[in-house]
Amino acid sequence: MIAEKYRGIRLALSEGTLTISSNNPDQEEAIDELEVDYTGESTEIGFNVTYLLDVLGAINTECARVVLKDGNSSALVTPDVNGEGSSKYVVMPMRL
């Protein structure tokens, strides 16, 4: 488990790819890449992993839609059910 102080994860978006990375105090690093439906400029944003997991755990669909304005603004997360979702969640970014 990530220590209380080190709950930050970095999401790096580029055309069709999401790279998720995390570091801990022992300088260990985890990186994972996912194929996503994303077009636009490359961007990076940081989140508290606990808040992001809480939101994703509340969504009862296999896919979620995350809308970002830029790397410093909040993210709007909705269930991706045919492009429509009744629940909306806002997750604030954090500086990493």
PDB file of N, CA and C in Angstrom:
ATOM      1  N   MET A   1       0.853  -1.186   0.000  1.00  0.00           N
ATOM      2  CA  MET A   1       0.000   0.000   0.000  1.00  0.00           C
ATOM      3  C   MET A   1       0.887   1.234   0.000  1.00  0.00           C
ATOM      4  N   ILE A   2       0.470   2.221  -0.709  1.00  0.00           N
ATOM      5  CA  ILE A   2       1.219   3.466  -0.769  1.00  0.00           C
ATOM      6  C   ILE A   2       1.091   4.154   0.578  1.00  0.00           C
ATOM      7  N   ALA A   3       2.202   4.656   1.121  1.00  0.00           N
ATOM      8  CA  ALA A   3       2.184   5.338   2.406  1.00  0.00           C
ATOM      9  C   ALA A   3       1.267   6.549   2.350  1.00  0.00           C
ATOM     10  N   GLU A   4       0.764   6.962   3.502  1.00  0.00           N
ATOM     11  CA  GLU A   4      -0.188   8.071   3.580  1.00  0.00           C
ATOM     12  C   GLU A   4       0.286   9.309   2.825  1.00  0.00           C
ATOM     13  N   LYS A   5       1.561   9.626   2.913  1.00  0.00           N
ATOM     14  CA  LYS A   5       2.108  10.810   2.260  1.00  0.00           C
ATOM     15  C   LYS A   5       2.296  10.633   0.761  1.00  0.00           C
ATOM     16  N   TYR A   6       2.322   9.404   0.309  1.00  0.00           N
ATOM     17  CA  TYR A   6       2.672   9.129  -1.076  1.00  0.00           C
ATOM     18  C   TYR A   6       1.528   8.451  -1.817  1.00  0.00           C
ATOM     19  N   ARG A   7       0.413   9.079  -1.809  1.00  0.00           N
ATOM     20  CA  ARG A   7      -0.768   8.524  -2.472  1.00  0.00           C
ATOM     21  C   ARG A   7      -0.965   9.089  -3.870  1.00  0.00           C
ATOM     22  N   GLY A   8      -0.011   9.836  -4.353  1.00  0.00           N
ATOM     23  CA  GLY A   8      -0.158  10.461  -5.656  1.00  0.00           C
ATOM     24  C   GLY A   8       0.170   9.517  -6.797  1.00  0.00           C
ATOM     25  N   ILE A   9      -0.642   9.586  -7.842  1.00  0.00           N
ATOM     26  CA  ILE A   9      -0.354   8.872  -9.080  1.00  0.00           C
ATOM     27  C   ILE A   9      -0.352   9.899 -10.213  1.00  0.00           C
ATOM     28  N   ARG A  10       0.422   9.622 -11.235  1.00  0.00           N
ATOM     29  CA  ARG A  10       0.509  10.497 -12.397  1.00  0.00           C
ATOM     30  C   ARG A  10      -0.149   9.792 -13.573  1.00  0.00           C
ATOM     31  N   LEU A  11      -1.071  10.494 -14.218  1.00  0.00           N
ATOM     32  CA  LEU A  11      -1.714   9.993 -15.426  1.00  0.00           C
ATOM     33  C   LEU A  11      -1.186  10.818 -16.592  1.00  0.00           C
ATOM     34  N   ALA A  12      -0.604  10.143 -17.567  1.00  0.00           N
ATOM     35  CA  ALA A  12      -0.096  10.812 -18.766  1.00  0.00           C
ATOM     36  C   ALA A  12      -0.898  10.318 -19.959  1.00  0.00           C
ATOM     37  N   LEU A  13      -1.612  11.232 -20.580  1.00  0.00           N
ATOM     38  CA  LEU A  13      -2.446  10.889 -21.730  1.00  0.00           C
ATOM     39  C   LEU A  13      -1.776  11.313 -23.016  1.00  0.00           C
ATOM     40  N   SER A  14      -1.793  10.421 -23.980  1.00  0.00           N
ATOM     41  CA  SER A  14      -1.367  10.745 -25.336  1.00  0.00           C
ATOM     42  C   SER A  14      -2.315   9.997 -26.266  1.00  0.00           C
ATOM     43  N   GLU A  15      -2.217  10.239 -27.532  1.00  0.00           N
ATOM     44  CA  GLU A  15      -3.133   9.664 -28.527  1.00  0.00           C
ATOM     45  C   GLU A  15      -3.290   8.150 -28.325  1.00  0.00           C
ATOM     46  N   GLY A  16      -4.450   7.719 -27.785  1.00  0.00           N
ATOM     47  CA  GLY A  16      -4.753   6.309 -27.639  1.00  0.00           C
ATOM     48  C   GLY A  16      -4.114   5.595 -26.464  1.00  0.00           C
ATOM     49  N   THR A  17      -3.321   6.302 -25.646  1.00  0.00           N
ATOM     50  CA  THR A  17      -2.598   5.637 -24.555  1.00  0.00           C
ATOM     51  C   THR A  17      -2.701   6.426 -23.251  1.00  0.00           C
ATOM     52  N   LEU A  18      -2.927   5.705 -22.159  1.00  0.00           N
ATOM     53  CA  LEU A  18      -2.881   6.266 -20.814  1.00  0.00           C
ATOM     54  C   LEU A  18      -1.762   5.562 -20.074  1.00  0.00           C
ATOM     55  N   THR A  19      -0.796   6.335 -19.579  1.00  0.00           N
ATOM     56  CA  THR A  19       0.295   5.779 -18.781  1.00  0.00           C
ATOM     57  C   THR A  19       0.081   6.200 -17.337  1.00  0.00           C
ATOM     58  N   ILE A  20       0.005   5.220 -16.445  1.00  0.00           N
ATOM     59  CA  ILE A  20      -0.206   5.468 -15.019  1.00  0.00           C
ATOM     60  C   ILE A  20       1.094   5.141 -14.304  1.00  0.00           C
ATOM     61  N   SER A  21       1.579   6.089 -13.494  1.00  0.00           N
ATOM     62  CA  SER A  21       2.830   5.835 -12.770  1.00  0.00           C
ATOM     63  C   SER A  21       2.718   6.307 -11.329  1.00  0.00           C
ATOM     64  N   SER A  22       3.479   5.638 -10.468  1.00  0.00           N
ATOM     65  CA  SER A  22       3.488   5.957  -9.050  1.00  0.00           C
ATOM     66  C   SER A  22       4.870   5.676  -8.484  1.00  0.00           C
ATOM     67  N   ASN A  23       5.289   6.481  -7.508  1.00  0.00           N
ATOM     68  CA  ASN A  23       6.565   6.291  -6.806  1.00  0.00           C
ATOM     69  C   ASN A  23       6.286   6.185  -5.320  1.00  0.00           C
ATOM     70  N   ASN A  24       7.202   5.539  -4.582  1.00  0.00           N
ATOM     71  CA  ASN A  24       7.086   5.509  -3.134  1.00  0.00           C
ATOM     72  C   ASN A  24       8.374   6.048  -2.509  1.00  0.00           C
ATOM     73  N   PRO A  25       8.419   6.189  -1.178  1.00  0.00           N
ATOM     74  CA  PRO A  25       9.592   6.773  -0.534  1.00  0.00           C
ATOM     75  C   PRO A  25      10.886   5.978  -0.755  1.00  0.00           C
ATOM     76  N   ASP A  26      10.787   4.697  -1.073  1.00  0.00           N
ATOM     77  CA  ASP A  26      11.972   3.869  -1.306  1.00  0.00           C
ATOM     78  C   ASP A  26      12.457   3.960  -2.743  1.00  0.00           C
ATOM     79  N   GLN A  27      11.951   4.946  -3.477  1.00  0.00           N
ATOM     80  CA  GLN A  27      12.320   5.180  -4.878  1.00  0.00           C
ATOM     81  C   GLN A  27      11.915   4.028  -5.799  1.00  0.00           C
ATOM     82  N   GLU A  28      10.925   3.252  -5.386  1.00  0.00           N
ATOM     83  CA  GLU A  28      10.383   2.213  -6.243  1.00  0.00           C
ATOM     84  C   GLU A  28       9.321   2.851  -7.125  1.00  0.00           C
ATOM     85  N   GLU A  29       9.195   2.344  -8.343  1.00  0.00           N
ATOM     86  CA  GLU A  29       8.269   2.943  -9.290  1.00  0.00           C
ATOM     87  C   GLU A  29       7.437   1.854  -9.954  1.00  0.00           C
ATOM     88  N   ALA A  30       6.168   2.170 -10.161  1.00  0.00           N
ATOM     89  CA  ALA A  30       5.274   1.271 -10.898  1.00  0.00           C
ATOM     90  C   ALA A  30       4.720   2.052 -12.081  1.00  0.00           C
ATOM     91  N   ILE A  31       4.732   1.418 -13.243  1.00  0.00           N
ATOM     92  CA  ILE A  31       4.218   2.049 -14.457  1.00  0.00           C
ATOM     93  C   ILE A  31       3.344   1.036 -15.187  1.00  0.00           C
ATOM     94  N   ASP A  32       2.198   1.502 -15.666  1.00  0.00           N
ATOM     95  CA  ASP A  32       1.312   0.649 -16.442  1.00  0.00           C
ATOM     96  C   ASP A  32       0.740   1.474 -17.585  1.00  0.00           C
ATOM     97  N   GLU A  33       0.587   0.849 -18.737  1.00  0.00           N
ATOM     98  CA  GLU A  33       0.007   1.518 -19.895  1.00  0.00           C
ATOM     99  C   GLU A  33      -1.295   0.843 -20.283  1.00  0.00           C
ATOM    100  N   LEU A  34      -2.284   1.659 -20.605  1.00  0.00           N
ATOM    101  CA  LEU A  34      -3.588   1.169 -21.030  1.00  0.00           C
ATOM    102  C   LEU A  34      -3.957   1.791 -22.358  1.00  0.00           C
ATOM    103  N   GLU A  35      -4.660   1.035 -23.170  1.00  0.00           N
ATOM    104  CA  GLU A  35      -5.195   1.580 -24.414  1.00  0.00           C
ATOM    105  C   GLU A  35      -6.506   2.282 -24.073  1.00  0.00           C
ATOM    106  N   VAL A  36      -6.619   3.548 -24.480  1.00  0.00           N
ATOM    107  CA  VAL A  36      -7.815   4.331 -24.189  1.00  0.00           C
ATOM    108  C   VAL A  36      -8.302   5.024 -25.454  1.00  0.00           C
ATOM    109  N   ASP A  37      -9.536   5.442 -25.412  1.00  0.00           N
ATOM    110  CA  ASP A  37     -10.115   6.198 -26.521  1.00  0.00           C
ATOM    111  C   ASP A  37      -9.861   7.672 -26.237  1.00  0.00           C
ATOM    112  N   TYR A  38      -8.699   8.174 -26.668  1.00  0.00           N
ATOM    113  CA  TYR A  38      -8.324   9.565 -26.425  1.00  0.00           C
ATOM    114  C   TYR A  38      -7.674  10.149 -27.664  1.00  0.00           C
ATOM    115  N   THR A  39      -8.150  11.315 -28.033  1.00  0.00           N
ATOM    116  CA  THR A  39      -7.519  12.079 -29.094  1.00  0.00           C
ATOM    117  C   THR A  39      -7.353  13.491 -28.567  1.00  0.00           C
ATOM    118  N   GLY A  40      -6.286  14.115 -28.925  1.00  0.00           N
ATOM    119  CA  GLY A  40      -6.024  15.468 -28.457  1.00  0.00           C
ATOM    120  C   GLY A  40      -4.578  15.619 -28.072  1.00  0.00           C
ATOM    121  N   GLU A  41      -4.288  16.754 -27.454  1.00  0.00           N
ATOM    122  CA  GLU A  41      -2.917  17.033 -27.037  1.00  0.00           C
ATOM    123  C   GLU A  41      -2.519  16.141 -25.869  1.00  0.00           C
ATOM    124  N   SER A  42      -1.245  15.816 -25.798  1.00  0.00           N
ATOM    125  CA  SER A  42      -0.724  15.059 -24.661  1.00  0.00           C
ATOM    126  C   SER A  42      -0.820  15.928 -23.408  1.00  0.00           C
ATOM    127  N   THR A  43      -1.161  15.303 -22.291  1.00  0.00           N
ATOM    128  CA  THR A  43      -1.267  16.023 -21.034  1.00  0.00           C
ATOM    129  C   THR A  43      -0.935  15.092 -19.874  1.00  0.00           C
ATOM    130  N   GLU A  44      -0.539  15.671 -18.759  1.00  0.00           N
ATOM    131  CA  GLU A  44      -0.274  14.921 -17.531  1.00  0.00           C
ATOM    132  C   GLU A  44      -1.055  15.556 -16.397  1.00  0.00           C
ATOM    133  N   ILE A  45      -1.531  14.699 -15.489  1.00  0.00           N
ATOM    134  CA  ILE A  45      -2.269  15.177 -14.333  1.00  0.00           C
ATOM    135  C   ILE A  45      -2.029  14.215 -13.175  1.00  0.00           C
ATOM    136  N   GLY A  46      -2.014  14.736 -11.962  1.00  0.00           N
ATOM    137  CA  GLY A  46      -1.820  13.919 -10.769  1.00  0.00           C
ATOM    138  C   GLY A  46      -3.092  13.833  -9.951  1.00  0.00           C
ATOM    139  N   PHE A  47      -3.305  12.687  -9.332  1.00  0.00           N
ATOM    140  CA  PHE A  47      -4.467  12.496  -8.464  1.00  0.00           C
ATOM    141  C   PHE A  47      -4.060  11.748  -7.213  1.00  0.00           C
ATOM    142  N   ASN A  48      -4.837  11.941  -6.148  1.00  0.00           N
ATOM    143  CA  ASN A  48      -4.734  11.099  -4.965  1.00  0.00           C
ATOM    144  C   ASN A  48      -5.393   9.780  -5.345  1.00  0.00           C
ATOM    145  N   VAL A  49      -4.649   8.704  -5.294  1.00  0.00           N
ATOM    146  CA  VAL A  49      -5.144   7.410  -5.759  1.00  0.00           C
ATOM    147  C   VAL A  49      -6.366   6.951  -4.961  1.00  0.00           C
ATOM    148  N   THR A  50      -6.446   7.294  -3.696  1.00  0.00           N
ATOM    149  CA  THR A  50      -7.587   6.889  -2.873  1.00  0.00           C
ATOM    150  C   THR A  50      -8.877   7.507  -3.391  1.00  0.00           C
ATOM    151  N   TYR A  51      -8.844   8.795  -3.715  1.00  0.00           N
ATOM    152  CA  TYR A  51     -10.043   9.468  -4.219  1.00  0.00           C
ATOM    153  C   TYR A  51     -10.460   8.894  -5.564  1.00  0.00           C
ATOM    154  N   LEU A  52      -9.491   8.656  -6.423  1.00  0.00           N
ATOM    155  CA  LEU A  52      -9.801   8.114  -7.743  1.00  0.00           C
ATOM    156  C   LEU A  52     -10.394   6.706  -7.636  1.00  0.00           C
ATOM    157  N   LEU A  53      -9.832   5.873  -6.774  1.00  0.00           N
ATOM    158  CA  LEU A  53     -10.363   4.521  -6.582  1.00  0.00           C
ATOM    159  C   LEU A  53     -11.762   4.537  -5.967  1.00  0.00           C
ATOM    160  N   ASP A  54     -12.027   5.484  -5.069  1.00  0.00           N
ATOM    161  CA  ASP A  54     -13.374   5.609  -4.491  1.00  0.00           C
ATOM    162  C   ASP A  54     -14.407   5.887  -5.574  1.00  0.00           C
ATOM    163  N   VAL A  55     -14.084   6.805  -6.465  1.00  0.00           N
ATOM    164  CA  VAL A  55     -15.002   7.149  -7.552  1.00  0.00           C
ATOM    165  C   VAL A  55     -15.188   5.963  -8.487  1.00  0.00           C
ATOM    166  N   LEU A  56     -14.097   5.348  -8.906  1.00  0.00           N
ATOM    167  CA  LEU A  56     -14.201   4.214  -9.830  1.00  0.00           C
ATOM    168  C   LEU A  56     -14.929   3.033  -9.198  1.00  0.00           C
ATOM    169  N   GLY A  57     -14.791   2.860  -7.886  1.00  0.00           N
ATOM    170  CA  GLY A  57     -15.512   1.799  -7.186  1.00  0.00           C
ATOM    171  C   GLY A  57     -17.010   2.051  -7.114  1.00  0.00           C
ATOM    172  N   ALA A  58     -17.423   3.314  -7.172  1.00  0.00           N
ATOM    173  CA  ALA A  58     -18.839   3.662  -7.111  1.00  0.00           C
ATOM    174  C   ALA A  58     -19.526   3.528  -8.463  1.00  0.00           C
ATOM    175  N   ILE A  59     -18.745   3.431  -9.524  1.00  0.00           N
ATOM    176  CA  ILE A  59     -19.296   3.308 -10.869  1.00  0.00           C
ATOM    177  C   ILE A  59     -19.489   1.825 -11.181  1.00  0.00           C
ATOM    178  N   ASN A  60     -20.711   1.454 -11.522  1.00  0.00           N
ATOM    179  CA  ASN A  60     -21.038   0.047 -11.756  1.00  0.00           C
ATOM    180  C   ASN A  60     -20.965  -0.348 -13.222  1.00  0.00           C
ATOM    181  N   THR A  61     -20.056   0.248 -13.968  1.00  0.00           N
ATOM    182  CA  THR A  61     -19.876  -0.116 -15.367  1.00  0.00           C
ATOM    183  C   THR A  61     -18.419  -0.511 -15.581  1.00  0.00           C
ATOM    184  N   GLU A  62     -18.182  -1.222 -16.656  1.00  0.00           N
ATOM    185  CA  GLU A  62     -16.825  -1.666 -16.956  1.00  0.00           C
ATOM    186  C   GLU A  62     -15.938  -0.505 -17.400  1.00  0.00           C
ATOM    187  N   CYS A  63     -16.535   0.491 -18.028  1.00  0.00           N
ATOM    188  CA  CYS A  63     -15.783   1.640 -18.537  1.00  0.00           C
ATOM    189  C   CYS A  63     -16.270   2.922 -17.877  1.00  0.00           C
ATOM    190  N   ALA A  64     -15.379   3.876 -17.780  1.00  0.00           N
ATOM    191  CA  ALA A  64     -15.722   5.195 -17.247  1.00  0.00           C
ATOM    192  C   ALA A  64     -15.238   6.251 -18.225  1.00  0.00           C
ATOM    193  N   ARG A  65     -15.916   7.381 -18.230  1.00  0.00           N
ATOM    194  CA  ARG A  65     -15.523   8.515 -19.058  1.00  0.00           C
ATOM    195  C   ARG A  65     -14.921   9.559 -18.122  1.00  0.00           C
ATOM    196  N   VAL A  66     -13.704  10.003 -18.444  1.00  0.00           N
ATOM    197  CA  VAL A  66     -13.028  11.029 -17.660  1.00  0.00           C
ATOM    198  C   VAL A  66     -12.832  12.235 -18.566  1.00  0.00           C
ATOM    199  N   VAL A  67     -13.391  13.365 -18.161  1.00  0.00           N
ATOM    200  CA  VAL A  67     -13.289  14.590 -18.942  1.00  0.00           C
ATOM    201  C   VAL A  67     -12.324  15.532 -18.237  1.00  0.00           C
ATOM    202  N   LEU A  68     -11.278  15.935 -18.971  1.00  0.00           N
ATOM    203  CA  LEU A  68     -10.257  16.831 -18.437  1.00  0.00           C
ATOM    204  C   LEU A  68     -10.186  18.096 -19.276  1.00  0.00           C
ATOM    205  N   LYS A  69     -10.025  19.226 -18.626  1.00  0.00           N
ATOM    206  CA  LYS A  69      -9.798  20.474 -19.345  1.00  0.00           C
ATOM    207  C   LYS A  69      -8.309  20.645 -19.587  1.00  0.00           C
ATOM    208  N   ASP A  70      -7.516  20.434 -18.539  1.00  0.00           N
ATOM    209  CA  ASP A  70      -6.060  20.505 -18.622  1.00  0.00           C
ATOM    210  C   ASP A  70      -5.484  19.806 -17.399  1.00  0.00           C
ATOM    211  N   GLY A  71      -4.160  19.833 -17.244  1.00  0.00           N
ATOM    212  CA  GLY A  71      -3.500  19.135 -16.157  1.00  0.00           C
ATOM    213  C   GLY A  71      -3.644  19.777 -14.794  1.00  0.00           C
ATOM    214  N   ASN A  72      -4.303  20.935 -14.716  1.00  0.00           N
ATOM    215  CA  ASN A  72      -4.455  21.638 -13.436  1.00  0.00           C
ATOM    216  C   ASN A  72      -5.899  21.750 -12.975  1.00  0.00           C
ATOM    217  N   SER A  73      -6.832  21.294 -13.792  1.00  0.00           N
ATOM    218  CA  SER A  73      -8.250  21.427 -13.472  1.00  0.00           C
ATOM    219  C   SER A  73      -8.826  20.105 -12.990  1.00  0.00           C
ATOM    220  N   SER A  74      -9.977  20.188 -12.340  1.00  0.00           N
ATOM    221  CA  SER A  74     -10.625  18.981 -11.839  1.00  0.00           C
ATOM    222  C   SER A  74     -11.054  18.076 -12.993  1.00  0.00           C
ATOM    223  N   ALA A  75     -11.270  16.818 -12.666  1.00  0.00           N
ATOM    224  CA  ALA A  75     -11.715  15.831 -13.654  1.00  0.00           C
ATOM    225  C   ALA A  75     -13.162  15.473 -13.360  1.00  0.00           C
ATOM    226  N   LEU A  76     -13.959  15.365 -14.408  1.00  0.00           N
ATOM    227  CA  LEU A  76     -15.333  14.918 -14.301  1.00  0.00           C
ATOM    228  C   LEU A  76     -15.372  13.457 -14.718  1.00  0.00           C
ATOM    229  N   VAL A  77     -15.839  12.590 -13.814  1.00  0.00           N
ATOM    230  CA  VAL A  77     -15.877  11.151 -14.081  1.00  0.00           C
ATOM    231  C   VAL A  77     -17.329  10.704 -14.090  1.00  0.00           C
ATOM    232  N   THR A  78     -17.720  10.003 -15.170  1.00  0.00           N
ATOM    233  CA  THR A  78     -19.076   9.488 -15.296  1.00  0.00           C
ATOM    234  C   THR A  78     -19.015   8.041 -15.778  1.00  0.00           C
ATOM    235  N   PRO A  79     -20.063   7.255 -15.473  1.00  0.00           N
ATOM    236  CA  PRO A  79     -20.121   5.915 -16.056  1.00  0.00           C
ATOM    237  C   PRO A  79     -20.264   6.049 -17.565  1.00  0.00           C
ATOM    238  N   ASP A  80     -19.647   5.164 -18.306  1.00  0.00           N
ATOM    239  CA  ASP A  80     -19.731   5.226 -19.766  1.00  0.00           C
ATOM    240  C   ASP A  80     -20.747   4.209 -20.249  1.00  0.00           C
ATOM    241  N   VAL A  81     -22.011   4.580 -20.159  1.00  0.00           N
ATOM    242  CA  VAL A  81     -23.095   3.722 -20.610  1.00  0.00           C
ATOM    243  C   VAL A  81     -23.689   4.383 -21.841  1.00  0.00           C
ATOM    244  N   ASN A  82     -23.249   3.927 -23.008  1.00  0.00           N
ATOM    245  CA  ASN A  82     -23.687   4.516 -24.280  1.00  0.00           C
ATOM    246  C   ASN A  82     -23.480   6.021 -24.296  1.00  0.00           C
ATOM    247  N   GLY A  83     -22.416   6.471 -23.655  1.00  0.00           N
ATOM    248  CA  GLY A  83     -22.108   7.893 -23.648  1.00  0.00           C
ATOM    249  C   GLY A  83     -22.918   8.696 -22.647  1.00  0.00           C
ATOM    250  N   GLU A  84     -23.825   8.040 -21.947  1.00  0.00           N
ATOM    251  CA  GLU A  84     -24.668   8.739 -20.978  1.00  0.00           C
ATOM    252  C   GLU A  84     -24.500   8.100 -19.606  1.00  0.00           C
ATOM    253  N   GLY A  85     -24.451   8.907 -18.597  1.00  0.00           N
ATOM    254  CA  GLY A  85     -24.376   8.393 -17.240  1.00  0.00           C
ATOM    255  C   GLY A  85     -25.173   9.286 -16.314  1.00  0.00           C
ATOM    256  N   SER A  86     -25.872   8.693 -15.367  1.00  0.00           N
ATOM    257  CA  SER A  86     -26.683   9.504 -14.464  1.00  0.00           C
ATOM    258  C   SER A  86     -25.859  10.056 -13.311  1.00  0.00           C
ATOM    259  N   SER A  87     -24.794   9.379 -12.923  1.00  0.00           N
ATOM    260  CA  SER A  87     -23.942   9.836 -11.832  1.00  0.00           C
ATOM    261  C   SER A  87     -22.764  10.626 -12.381  1.00  0.00           C
ATOM    262  N   LYS A  88     -22.393  11.662 -11.637  1.00  0.00           N
ATOM    263  CA  LYS A  88     -21.240  12.472 -12.013  1.00  0.00           C
ATOM    264  C   LYS A  88     -20.382  12.678 -10.776  1.00  0.00           C
ATOM    265  N   TYR A  89     -19.078  12.529 -10.946  1.00  0.00           N
ATOM    266  CA  TYR A  89     -18.137  12.671  -9.841  1.00  0.00           C
ATOM    267  C   TYR A  89     -17.045  13.650 -10.258  1.00  0.00           C
ATOM    268  N   VAL A  90     -16.622  14.476  -9.327  1.00  0.00           N
ATOM    269  CA  VAL A  90     -15.539  15.420  -9.581  1.00  0.00           C
ATOM    270  C   VAL A  90     -14.354  15.029  -8.699  1.00  0.00           C
ATOM    271  N   VAL A  91     -13.200  14.891  -9.323  1.00  0.00           N
ATOM    272  CA  VAL A  91     -11.980  14.556  -8.589  1.00  0.00           C
ATOM    273  C   VAL A  91     -10.988  15.694  -8.828  1.00  0.00           C
ATOM    274  N   MET A  92     -10.504  16.261  -7.729  1.00  0.00           N
ATOM    275  CA  MET A  92      -9.556  17.367  -7.822  1.00  0.00           C
ATOM    276  C   MET A  92      -8.144  16.815  -8.047  1.00  0.00           C
ATOM    277  N   PRO A  93      -7.358  17.495  -8.863  1.00  0.00           N
ATOM    278  CA  PRO A  93      -5.980  17.036  -9.110  1.00  0.00           C
ATOM    279  C   PRO A  93      -5.077  17.403  -7.947  1.00  0.00           C
ATOM    280  N   MET A  94      -3.894  16.826  -7.941  1.00  0.00           N
ATOM    281  CA  MET A  94      -2.887  17.190  -6.948  1.00  0.00           C
ATOM    282  C   MET A  94      -1.559  17.400  -7.646  1.00  0.00           C
ATOM    283  N   ARG A  95      -0.732  18.244  -7.072  1.00  0.00           N
ATOM    284  CA  ARG A  95       0.592  18.457  -7.636  1.00  0.00           C
ATOM    285  C   ARG A  95       1.513  17.340  -7.196  1.00  0.00           C
ATOM    286  N   LEU A  96       2.282  16.846  -8.151  1.00  0.00           N
ATOM    287  CA  LEU A  96       3.227  15.759  -7.837  1.00  0.00           C
ATOM    288  C   LEU A  96       4.648  16.249  -7.960  1.00  0.00           C
TER     289      LEU A  96
END
